[in-house]
Amino acid sequence: MRRIWFLHLAAFHLLVLSGLAWAASEQAIKLRADNGLSPFIPAQSFLSGNFVADEVEPKFIFGKVNDFVKKQSCPTTWLIEEGERKRIENRNPQSGPAEFTLYLETDCPGKITYYVFVDRSQANAAQWLEWRKQFHKSKTEPQYGAVKAALEQANVDGLSVDAELRFVEVDGTLLVNRPEDIVIGELKFLPIYDLKQGKALAP
């Protein structure tokens, strides 16, 4: 009996540490149901990785995803779509680079925000850049080439990128503002590396 109680306690502490034990608001629960989302514990490699906040032409690299989570002033929960959950569970590590979409929910009174991230930690920088090239066929090669070169230089400087903040949604509505501008302006989460200048920024 004591062993069962201890296991339940350990599981509860794990949920607390992962942010899943938070009692979500009715608005958050409804929005999760509307979008087919459920709580999820992301890979540590993703949480401890740096991120960019622009899919096409990022200007900066930001710090760890976990530090971004801690910056939020409201309770947070990581969410995932069921299809993505199954893709992660069934993924063969030998199948090559992959990326997965994860939602960071911030549950503020009267306002639910989703920071929609892409977990790219399943591939090293070179693999991911080469794999992503197929999605940039509609972009000019000089533009993509410049971004690729900047990210490669950052990697050489010891700042690899394992995540990308792709969208921000508030109460189910996609914001038109660039995520990069939201992160720096509204959230005051400052970058750690300038991709245009190819250098680290002072803390």
C-alpha atoms as a PDB file:
ATOM      1  CA  MET A   1       0.000   0.000   0.000  1.00  0.00           C
ATOM      2  CA  ARG A   2       2.824   2.364   0.929  1.00  0.00           C
ATOM      3  CA  ARG A   3       4.572   1.590  -2.364  1.00  0.00           C
ATOM      4  CA  ILE A   4       1.429   2.484  -4.346  1.00  0.00           C
ATOM      5  CA  TRP A   5       1.057   5.728  -2.387  1.00  0.00           C
ATOM      6  CA  PHE A   6       4.706   6.606  -3.057  1.00  0.00           C
ATOM      7  CA  LEU A   7       4.318   5.960  -6.796  1.00  0.00           C
ATOM      8  CA  HIS A   8       1.249   8.191  -6.924  1.00  0.00           C
ATOM      9  CA  LEU A   9       3.121  10.930  -5.052  1.00  0.00           C
ATOM     10  CA  ALA A  10       6.098  10.671  -7.397  1.00  0.00           C
ATOM     11  CA  ALA A  11       3.798  10.898 -10.418  1.00  0.00           C
ATOM     12  CA  PHE A  12       2.099  13.960  -8.931  1.00  0.00           C
ATOM     13  CA  HIS A  13       5.416  15.726  -8.394  1.00  0.00           C
ATOM     14  CA  LEU A  14       6.417  14.928 -11.973  1.00  0.00           C
ATOM     15  CA  LEU A  15       3.216  16.521 -13.232  1.00  0.00           C
ATOM     16  CA  VAL A  16       3.764  19.584 -11.068  1.00  0.00           C
ATOM     17  CA  LEU A  17       7.295  20.035 -12.344  1.00  0.00           C
ATOM     18  CA  SER A  18       6.172  19.626 -15.946  1.00  0.00           C
ATOM     19  CA  GLY A  19       3.354  22.120 -15.564  1.00  0.00           C
ATOM     20  CA  LEU A  20       0.615  19.564 -16.166  1.00  0.00           C
ATOM     21  CA  ALA A  21      -0.922  19.669 -12.680  1.00  0.00           C
ATOM     22  CA  TRP A  22      -2.281  23.176 -13.150  1.00  0.00           C
ATOM     23  CA  ALA A  23      -6.072  23.241 -13.041  1.00  0.00           C
ATOM     24  CA  ALA A  24      -6.835  24.794 -16.420  1.00  0.00           C
ATOM     25  CA  SER A  25      -9.564  27.406 -16.732  1.00  0.00           C
ATOM     26  CA  GLU A  26     -12.842  26.588 -18.472  1.00  0.00           C
ATOM     27  CA  GLN A  27     -11.794  28.774 -21.392  1.00  0.00           C
ATOM     28  CA  ALA A  28      -8.505  26.878 -21.751  1.00  0.00           C
ATOM     29  CA  ILE A  29     -10.241  23.489 -21.594  1.00  0.00           C
ATOM     30  CA  LYS A  30     -12.731  24.533 -24.280  1.00  0.00           C
ATOM     31  CA  LEU A  31      -9.995  25.853 -26.554  1.00  0.00           C
ATOM     32  CA  ARG A  32      -8.003  22.633 -26.118  1.00  0.00           C
ATOM     33  CA  ALA A  33     -11.067  20.589 -27.104  1.00  0.00           C
ATOM     34  CA  ASP A  34     -11.767  22.807 -30.122  1.00  0.00           C
ATOM     35  CA  ASN A  35      -8.196  22.328 -31.355  1.00  0.00           C
ATOM     36  CA  GLY A  36      -7.774  18.666 -30.411  1.00  0.00           C
ATOM     37  CA  LEU A  37      -4.926  19.406 -27.992  1.00  0.00           C
ATOM     38  CA  SER A  38      -3.880  17.605 -24.818  1.00  0.00           C
ATOM     39  CA  PRO A  39      -1.040  18.022 -22.256  1.00  0.00           C
ATOM     40  CA  PHE A  40       2.397  16.786 -23.251  1.00  0.00           C
ATOM     41  CA  ILE A  41       5.901  16.646 -21.780  1.00  0.00           C
ATOM     42  CA  PRO A  42       8.402  17.828 -24.447  1.00  0.00           C
ATOM     43  CA  ALA A  43      11.861  16.351 -24.896  1.00  0.00           C
ATOM     44  CA  GLN A  44      14.530  17.879 -22.671  1.00  0.00           C
ATOM     45  CA  SER A  45      16.673  18.535 -25.756  1.00  0.00           C
ATOM     46  CA  PHE A  46      13.926  20.835 -27.031  1.00  0.00           C
ATOM     47  CA  LEU A  47      13.341  22.592 -23.702  1.00  0.00           C
ATOM     48  CA  SER A  48      17.039  23.256 -23.160  1.00  0.00           C
ATOM     49  CA  GLY A  49      17.626  24.356 -26.747  1.00  0.00           C
ATOM     50  CA  ASN A  50      17.835  27.871 -28.190  1.00  0.00           C
ATOM     51  CA  PHE A  51      15.132  29.094 -30.566  1.00  0.00           C
ATOM     52  CA  VAL A  52      14.481  31.500 -33.419  1.00  0.00           C
ATOM     53  CA  ALA A  53      11.167  33.314 -33.852  1.00  0.00           C
ATOM     54  CA  ASP A  54      10.799  33.747 -37.591  1.00  0.00           C
ATOM     55  CA  GLU A  55      10.376  30.909 -40.069  1.00  0.00           C
ATOM     56  CA  VAL A  56      11.694  32.656 -43.189  1.00  0.00           C
ATOM     57  CA  GLU A  57      14.247  35.281 -42.209  1.00  0.00           C
ATOM     58  CA  PRO A  58      15.136  35.258 -38.497  1.00  0.00           C
ATOM     59  CA  LYS A  59      17.247  38.152 -37.278  1.00  0.00           C
ATOM     60  CA  PHE A  60      18.087  36.762 -33.864  1.00  0.00           C
ATOM     61  CA  ILE A  61      18.613  33.631 -31.804  1.00  0.00           C
ATOM     62  CA  PHE A  62      16.903  33.625 -28.428  1.00  0.00           C
ATOM     63  CA  GLY A  63      17.886  31.651 -25.348  1.00  0.00           C
ATOM     64  CA  LYS A  64      16.526  28.402 -24.009  1.00  0.00           C
ATOM     65  CA  VAL A  65      12.887  27.494 -24.548  1.00  0.00           C
ATOM     66  CA  ASN A  66      12.644  26.725 -20.824  1.00  0.00           C
ATOM     67  CA  ASP A  67      13.766  30.262 -19.976  1.00  0.00           C
ATOM     68  CA  PHE A  68      11.052  31.609 -22.282  1.00  0.00           C
ATOM     69  CA  VAL A  69       8.488  29.504 -20.410  1.00  0.00           C
ATOM     70  CA  LYS A  70       9.689  30.865 -17.064  1.00  0.00           C
ATOM     71  CA  LYS A  71       9.267  34.399 -18.420  1.00  0.00           C
ATOM     72  CA  GLN A  72       5.491  33.946 -18.699  1.00  0.00           C
ATOM     73  CA  SER A  73       3.425  35.657 -16.014  1.00  0.00           C
ATOM     74  CA  CYS A  74       0.502  33.175 -16.184  1.00  0.00           C
ATOM     75  CA  PRO A  75       0.356  29.382 -15.674  1.00  0.00           C
ATOM     76  CA  THR A  76       1.690  27.434 -18.652  1.00  0.00           C
ATOM     77  CA  THR A  77       1.079  23.979 -20.106  1.00  0.00           C
ATOM     78  CA  TRP A  78       2.637  22.264 -23.105  1.00  0.00           C
ATOM     79  CA  LEU A  79       0.051  20.812 -25.496  1.00  0.00           C
ATOM     80  CA  ILE A  80       0.162  18.648 -28.604  1.00  0.00           C
ATOM     81  CA  GLU A  81      -2.209  17.433 -31.303  1.00  0.00           C
ATOM     82  CA  GLU A  82      -2.967  13.711 -31.195  1.00  0.00           C
ATOM     83  CA  GLY A  83      -1.533  13.165 -34.677  1.00  0.00           C
ATOM     84  CA  GLU A  84       1.782  14.729 -33.671  1.00  0.00           C
ATOM     85  CA  ARG A  85       1.856  12.665 -30.476  1.00  0.00           C
ATOM     86  CA  LYS A  86       1.539   9.472 -32.523  1.00  0.00           C
ATOM     87  CA  ARG A  87       4.216  10.641 -34.960  1.00  0.00           C
ATOM     88  CA  ILE A  88       6.638  11.134 -32.069  1.00  0.00           C
ATOM     89  CA  GLU A  89       5.762   7.787 -30.495  1.00  0.00           C
ATOM     90  CA  ASN A  90       6.111   5.886 -33.786  1.00  0.00           C
ATOM     91  CA  ARG A  91       9.135   7.734 -35.170  1.00  0.00           C
ATOM     92  CA  ASN A  92      12.098   5.619 -36.228  1.00  0.00           C
ATOM     93  CA  PRO A  93      15.326   7.419 -35.202  1.00  0.00           C
ATOM     94  CA  GLN A  94      16.913   6.108 -38.413  1.00  0.00           C
ATOM     95  CA  SER A  95      14.312   7.799 -40.613  1.00  0.00           C
ATOM     96  CA  GLY A  96      16.180  11.108 -40.747  1.00  0.00           C
ATOM     97  CA  PRO A  97      15.378  14.649 -39.601  1.00  0.00           C
ATOM     98  CA  ALA A  98      11.915  15.478 -38.324  1.00  0.00           C
ATOM     99  CA  GLU A  99      10.153  18.407 -36.723  1.00  0.00           C
ATOM    100  CA  PHE A 100       7.132  18.403 -34.420  1.00  0.00           C
ATOM    101  CA  THR A 101       4.629  21.119 -33.538  1.00  0.00           C
ATOM    102  CA  LEU A 102       4.077  21.874 -29.846  1.00  0.00           C
ATOM    103  CA  TYR A 103       1.832  24.480 -28.229  1.00  0.00           C
ATOM    104  CA  LEU A 104       2.822  26.450 -25.155  1.00  0.00           C
ATOM    105  CA  GLU A 105      -0.436  27.528 -23.541  1.00  0.00           C
ATOM    106  CA  THR A 106      -0.489  30.515 -21.187  1.00  0.00           C
ATOM    107  CA  ASP A 107      -3.715  30.550 -19.207  1.00  0.00           C
ATOM    108  CA  CYS A 108      -4.350  34.148 -18.117  1.00  0.00           C
ATOM    109  CA  PRO A 109      -7.696  35.384 -16.758  1.00  0.00           C
ATOM    110  CA  GLY A 110      -9.881  36.017 -19.809  1.00  0.00           C
ATOM    111  CA  LYS A 111      -7.055  35.407 -22.276  1.00  0.00           C
ATOM    112  CA  ILE A 112      -5.523  32.194 -23.613  1.00  0.00           C
ATOM    113  CA  THR A 113      -2.332  32.504 -25.643  1.00  0.00           C
ATOM    114  CA  TYR A 114      -0.729  29.745 -27.683  1.00  0.00           C
ATOM    115  CA  TYR A 115       2.938  30.048 -28.595  1.00  0.00           C
ATOM    116  CA  VAL A 116       3.236  27.549 -31.420  1.00  0.00           C
ATOM    117  CA  PHE A 117       6.726  26.052 -31.458  1.00  0.00           C
ATOM    118  CA  VAL A 118       8.452  23.608 -33.745  1.00  0.00           C
ATOM    119  CA  ASP A 119      10.710  21.078 -32.052  1.00  0.00           C
ATOM    120  CA  ARG A 120      13.741  20.622 -34.310  1.00  0.00           C
ATOM    121  CA  SER A 121      15.938  18.931 -31.712  1.00  0.00           C
ATOM    122  CA  GLN A 122      15.660  15.541 -33.446  1.00  0.00           C
ATOM    123  CA  ALA A 123      18.316  16.578 -35.985  1.00  0.00           C
ATOM    124  CA  ASN A 124      21.634  18.349 -35.805  1.00  0.00           C
ATOM    125  CA  ALA A 125      21.957  21.799 -37.371  1.00  0.00           C
ATOM    126  CA  ALA A 126      23.385  20.592 -40.703  1.00  0.00           C
ATOM    127  CA  GLN A 127      20.708  17.904 -41.131  1.00  0.00           C
ATOM    128  CA  TRP A 128      17.894  20.291 -40.294  1.00  0.00           C
ATOM    129  CA  LEU A 129      19.108  23.041 -42.625  1.00  0.00           C
ATOM    130  CA  GLU A 130      19.455  20.622 -45.536  1.00  0.00           C
ATOM    131  CA  TRP A 131      16.063  19.034 -44.842  1.00  0.00           C
ATOM    132  CA  ARG A 132      14.320  22.413 -44.594  1.00  0.00           C
ATOM    133  CA  LYS A 133      15.702  23.471 -47.976  1.00  0.00           C
ATOM    134  CA  GLN A 134      12.912  21.594 -49.732  1.00  0.00           C
ATOM    135  CA  PHE A 135      10.364  23.925 -48.112  1.00  0.00           C
ATOM    136  CA  HIS A 136      12.111  27.056 -49.335  1.00  0.00           C
ATOM    137  CA  LYS A 137      11.806  26.366 -53.050  1.00  0.00           C
ATOM    138  CA  SER A 138       9.410  29.287 -53.393  1.00  0.00           C
ATOM    139  CA  LYS A 139      11.955  31.626 -51.794  1.00  0.00           C
ATOM    140  CA  THR A 140      14.886  33.093 -53.635  1.00  0.00           C
ATOM    141  CA  GLU A 141      18.086  31.149 -53.165  1.00  0.00           C
ATOM    142  CA  PRO A 142      20.090  34.232 -52.052  1.00  0.00           C
ATOM    143  CA  GLN A 143      17.585  34.852 -49.243  1.00  0.00           C
ATOM    144  CA  TYR A 144      17.583  31.264 -48.015  1.00  0.00           C
ATOM    145  CA  GLY A 145      21.336  30.988 -48.540  1.00  0.00           C
ATOM    146  CA  ALA A 146      21.967  34.010 -46.311  1.00  0.00           C
ATOM    147  CA  VAL A 147      19.816  32.594 -43.507  1.00  0.00           C
ATOM    148  CA  LYS A 148      21.476  29.197 -43.823  1.00  0.00           C
ATOM    149  CA  ALA A 149      24.952  30.754 -43.679  1.00  0.00           C
ATOM    150  CA  ALA A 150      24.027  32.855 -40.628  1.00  0.00           C
ATOM    151  CA  LEU A 151      22.657  29.856 -38.736  1.00  0.00           C
ATOM    152  CA  GLU A 152      25.713  27.806 -39.634  1.00  0.00           C
ATOM    153  CA  GLN A 153      27.982  30.571 -38.341  1.00  0.00           C
ATOM    154  CA  ALA A 154      25.997  30.719 -35.106  1.00  0.00           C
ATOM    155  CA  ASN A 155      26.425  26.972 -34.761  1.00  0.00           C
ATOM    156  CA  VAL A 156      30.184  27.361 -35.216  1.00  0.00           C
ATOM    157  CA  ASP A 157      30.068  30.015 -32.482  1.00  0.00           C
ATOM    158  CA  GLY A 158      28.472  27.469 -30.148  1.00  0.00           C
ATOM    159  CA  LEU A 159      24.834  28.558 -30.477  1.00  0.00           C
ATOM    160  CA  SER A 160      22.832  25.822 -32.145  1.00  0.00           C
ATOM    161  CA  VAL A 161      19.084  26.200 -32.672  1.00  0.00           C
ATOM    162  CA  ASP A 162      16.750  23.392 -31.594  1.00  0.00           C
ATOM    163  CA  ALA A 163      13.387  25.168 -31.752  1.00  0.00           C
ATOM    164  CA  GLU A 164      11.418  27.719 -33.694  1.00  0.00           C
ATOM    165  CA  LEU A 165       8.534  29.890 -32.518  1.00  0.00           C
ATOM    166  CA  ARG A 166       6.389  29.942 -35.641  1.00  0.00           C
ATOM    167  CA  PHE A 167       3.043  31.472 -34.641  1.00  0.00           C
ATOM    168  CA  VAL A 168       1.299  33.215 -31.758  1.00  0.00           C
ATOM    169  CA  GLU A 169      -2.449  32.811 -31.220  1.00  0.00           C
ATOM    170  CA  VAL A 170      -4.671  34.646 -28.737  1.00  0.00           C
ATOM    171  CA  ASP A 171      -8.076  33.137 -27.933  1.00  0.00           C
ATOM    172  CA  GLY A 172      -7.917  31.081 -31.125  1.00  0.00           C
ATOM    173  CA  THR A 173      -7.013  34.004 -33.397  1.00  0.00           C
ATOM    174  CA  LEU A 174      -3.666  34.034 -35.191  1.00  0.00           C
ATOM    175  CA  LEU A 175      -1.748  37.266 -34.609  1.00  0.00           C
ATOM    176  CA  VAL A 176      -0.370  38.999 -37.697  1.00  0.00           C
ATOM    177  CA  ASN A 177       2.608  40.408 -35.793  1.00  0.00           C
ATOM    178  CA  ARG A 178       5.926  38.665 -36.378  1.00  0.00           C
ATOM    179  CA  PRO A 179       6.665  36.336 -33.443  1.00  0.00           C
ATOM    180  CA  GLU A 180      10.145  37.852 -33.246  1.00  0.00           C
ATOM    181  CA  ASP A 181       8.635  41.301 -32.631  1.00  0.00           C
ATOM    182  CA  ILE A 182       6.256  39.923 -29.986  1.00  0.00           C
ATOM    183  CA  VAL A 183       9.059  38.153 -28.134  1.00  0.00           C
ATOM    184  CA  ILE A 184      11.279  41.239 -28.012  1.00  0.00           C
ATOM    185  CA  GLY A 185       8.638  43.949 -27.710  1.00  0.00           C
ATOM    186  CA  GLU A 186       5.693  42.683 -25.705  1.00  0.00           C
ATOM    187  CA  LEU A 187       7.425  39.951 -23.705  1.00  0.00           C
ATOM    188  CA  LYS A 188      10.794  41.694 -23.241  1.00  0.00           C
ATOM    189  CA  PHE A 189      12.611  38.403 -23.851  1.00  0.00           C
ATOM    190  CA  LEU A 190      15.876  39.601 -25.343  1.00  0.00           C
ATOM    191  CA  PRO A 191      17.916  37.711 -27.975  1.00  0.00           C
ATOM    192  CA  ILE A 192      21.348  36.287 -27.279  1.00  0.00           C
ATOM    193  CA  TYR A 193      22.764  36.311 -30.823  1.00  0.00           C
ATOM    194  CA  ASP A 194      22.455  38.678 -33.798  1.00  0.00           C
ATOM    195  CA  LEU A 195      22.258  36.616 -36.987  1.00  0.00           C
ATOM    196  CA  LYS A 196      22.684  39.644 -39.262  1.00  0.00           C
ATOM    197  CA  GLN A 197      25.914  40.707 -37.579  1.00  0.00           C
ATOM    198  CA  GLY A 198      27.038  37.184 -36.730  1.00  0.00           C
ATOM    199  CA  LYS A 199      27.846  37.894 -33.102  1.00  0.00           C
ATOM    200  CA  ALA A 200      26.669  37.186 -29.577  1.00  0.00           C
ATOM    201  CA  LEU A 201      24.803  39.922 -27.736  1.00  0.00           C
ATOM    202  CA  ALA A 202      25.590  41.157 -24.255  1.00  0.00           C
ATOM    203  CA  PRO A 203      23.179  39.827 -21.591  1.00  0.00           C
END
